Amino acid sequence: MIKQYDANKARVKRHGRLRRKLAGTAAKPRLSVFRSNKHIYAQLIDDDRGITIAAASSSEAALKLAAAAAVPQQGEEPYGIAGVSVNHKVSVSREVGRILAERAKSAGVTTIVFDRSGYLYHGRVAAVAVGAREGGLEF
């Protein structure tokens, strides 16, 4: 019998291994990222209490307006996402990170733990992290 590779099953398995080591607290919540084909979602989670402190996604109406204005310029490539910042989804992901950082600061959060959810730290996932750092969050 031929076995088929299930990419999402492998990602969930990697995420389980990561979650054994990562945990968010009230002082240092976990920034969890979920990436779909069309959108990207990020949220700050306090695992001790089991609540979401702040969240942002590319499907929000406010972010769609900000993302349209944030069309990347050639040569404006931050560290960590060099070469792919001209991609629209990557620039939107960066804005998601910035907006999440603003919401986190208003909730009184400055330091976080980054949870890449089994995805490679590359492209849109790295762009969320770069945007969160630009917004003032410390990893």
Protein backbone atom coordinates (compact mmCIF):
# COMPACT_ATOMS: atom_id res chain seq x y z
CA MET A 1 0.00 0.00 0.00
CA ILE A 2 1.27 3.46 -0.91
CA LYS A 3 1.30 5.94 1.95
CA GLN A 4 0.28 9.49 1.19
CA TYR A 5 2.01 12.40 2.87
CA ASP A 6 -0.36 14.63 4.82
CA ALA A 7 1.32 18.01 5.29
CA ASN A 8 -1.15 19.29 7.87
CA LYS A 9 -0.85 16.11 9.94
CA ALA A 10 2.94 16.55 9.96
CA ARG A 11 2.54 20.23 10.95
CA VAL A 12 0.22 19.34 13.82
CA LYS A 13 2.76 16.77 15.00
CA ARG A 14 5.54 19.40 14.93
CA HIS A 15 3.24 21.81 16.76
CA GLY A 16 2.70 19.23 19.50
CA ARG A 17 6.44 18.91 19.99
CA LEU A 18 6.76 22.70 20.19
CA ARG A 19 3.88 23.05 22.65
CA ARG A 20 5.54 20.67 25.09
CA LYS A 21 8.28 23.27 25.49
CA LEU A 22 6.28 26.51 25.08
CA ALA A 23 3.73 27.93 27.48
CA GLY A 24 2.28 31.40 27.82
CA THR A 25 1.76 33.12 31.15
CA ALA A 26 0.06 36.36 32.13
CA ALA A 27 3.43 38.14 32.22
CA LYS A 28 4.72 36.51 29.02
CA PRO A 29 1.87 35.28 26.79
CA ARG A 30 2.27 33.02 23.77
CA LEU A 31 1.91 34.54 20.29
CA SER A 32 0.27 31.79 18.28
CA VAL A 33 0.14 32.03 14.47
CA PHE A 34 -2.22 30.18 12.13
CA ARG A 35 -1.72 30.40 8.39
CA SER A 36 -4.39 29.48 5.87
CA ASN A 37 -4.13 29.80 2.10
CA LYS A 38 -5.99 33.10 2.09
CA HIS A 39 -5.52 34.67 5.54
CA ILE A 40 -3.22 34.73 8.55
CA TYR A 41 -4.35 34.83 12.18
CA ALA A 42 -2.34 35.71 15.29
CA GLN A 43 -3.35 35.77 18.94
CA LEU A 44 -1.75 36.26 22.34
CA ILE A 45 -2.73 33.47 24.72
CA ASP A 46 -2.37 33.15 28.49
CA ASP A 47 -2.19 29.37 28.91
CA ASP A 48 -2.41 29.55 32.71
CA ARG A 49 -5.89 31.05 32.61
CA GLY A 50 -6.81 29.74 29.16
CA ILE A 51 -7.77 33.11 27.69
CA THR A 52 -6.90 35.12 24.61
CA ILE A 53 -5.46 38.53 25.51
CA ALA A 54 -5.35 40.06 22.02
CA ALA A 55 -5.92 38.88 18.48
CA ALA A 56 -5.53 40.14 14.91
CA SER A 57 -6.15 38.63 11.50
CA SER A 58 -5.94 39.58 7.86
CA SER A 59 -9.70 39.05 7.48
CA GLU A 60 -10.54 42.10 9.63
CA ALA A 61 -12.01 45.11 7.85
CA ALA A 62 -9.65 47.58 9.58
CA LEU A 63 -6.63 45.59 8.49
CA LYS A 64 -7.76 45.37 4.88
CA LEU A 65 -7.61 49.18 4.65
CA ALA A 66 -4.19 49.33 6.35
CA ALA A 67 -2.83 46.56 4.14
CA ALA A 68 -3.92 48.33 0.98
CA ALA A 69 -1.95 51.39 2.07
CA ALA A 70 1.06 49.29 3.07
CA VAL A 71 2.11 48.20 -0.41
CA PRO A 72 5.81 47.36 -0.05
CA GLN A 73 8.41 49.40 -1.86
CA GLN A 74 11.30 47.81 -3.70
CA GLY A 75 14.39 47.74 -1.49
CA GLU A 76 12.45 48.01 1.79
CA GLU A 77 13.28 44.56 3.14
CA PRO A 78 13.56 44.06 6.90
CA TYR A 79 15.81 41.47 8.45
CA GLY A 80 14.23 38.01 8.48
CA ILE A 81 11.99 38.36 5.44
CA ALA A 82 14.47 39.66 2.87
CA GLY A 83 13.54 38.87 -0.73
CA VAL A 84 9.87 38.15 -0.09
CA SER A 85 8.63 41.51 1.19
CA VAL A 86 7.30 42.41 -2.28
CA ASN A 87 4.71 39.64 -1.83
CA HIS A 88 1.28 41.04 -0.88
CA LYS A 89 0.46 38.28 1.61
CA VAL A 90 3.78 38.85 3.38
CA SER A 91 3.20 42.59 3.68
CA VAL A 92 -0.32 41.93 5.05
CA SER A 93 1.16 39.47 7.57
CA ARG A 94 3.59 42.14 8.70
CA GLU A 95 0.67 44.52 9.29
CA VAL A 96 -1.10 41.80 11.31
CA GLY A 97 1.96 41.64 13.55
CA ARG A 98 2.04 45.42 13.98
CA ILE A 99 -1.65 45.65 14.83
CA LEU A 100 -1.36 42.76 17.28
CA ALA A 101 1.56 44.55 18.96
CA GLU A 102 -0.53 47.71 19.35
CA ARG A 103 -3.39 45.72 20.91
CA ALA A 104 -0.96 43.89 23.18
CA LYS A 105 0.56 47.14 24.40
CA SER A 106 -2.89 48.51 25.21
CA ALA A 107 -3.49 45.31 27.22
CA GLY A 108 -0.19 45.88 29.10
CA VAL A 109 1.91 43.18 27.41
CA THR A 110 5.47 43.91 26.27
CA THR A 111 7.25 40.52 26.24
CA ILE A 112 5.97 37.37 24.54
CA VAL A 113 6.88 33.81 23.57
CA PHE A 114 6.60 33.12 19.81
CA ASP A 115 4.73 29.95 18.79
CA ARG A 116 5.13 29.27 15.07
CA SER A 117 2.58 26.41 15.27
CA GLY A 118 4.69 23.90 13.39
CA TYR A 119 5.23 26.16 10.37
CA LEU A 120 8.71 27.04 9.16
CA TYR A 121 9.97 30.40 10.41
CA HIS A 122 9.86 31.80 6.90
CA GLY A 123 7.68 34.02 4.74
CA ARG A 124 4.35 35.00 6.28
CA VAL A 125 5.10 33.50 9.70
CA ALA A 126 8.39 35.39 9.93
CA ALA A 127 6.62 38.54 8.71
CA VAL A 128 4.19 38.39 11.65
CA ALA A 129 7.17 38.17 14.01
CA VAL A 130 8.93 41.08 12.28
CA GLY A 131 5.77 43.19 12.46
CA ALA A 132 5.31 42.38 16.15
CA ARG A 133 8.91 43.40 16.85
CA GLU A 134 8.43 46.63 14.90
CA GLY A 135 5.32 47.28 16.99
CA GLY A 136 7.38 47.08 20.17
CA LEU A 137 6.98 43.50 21.43
CA GLU A 138 10.06 41.70 22.75
CA PHE A 139 10.62 37.98 22.17
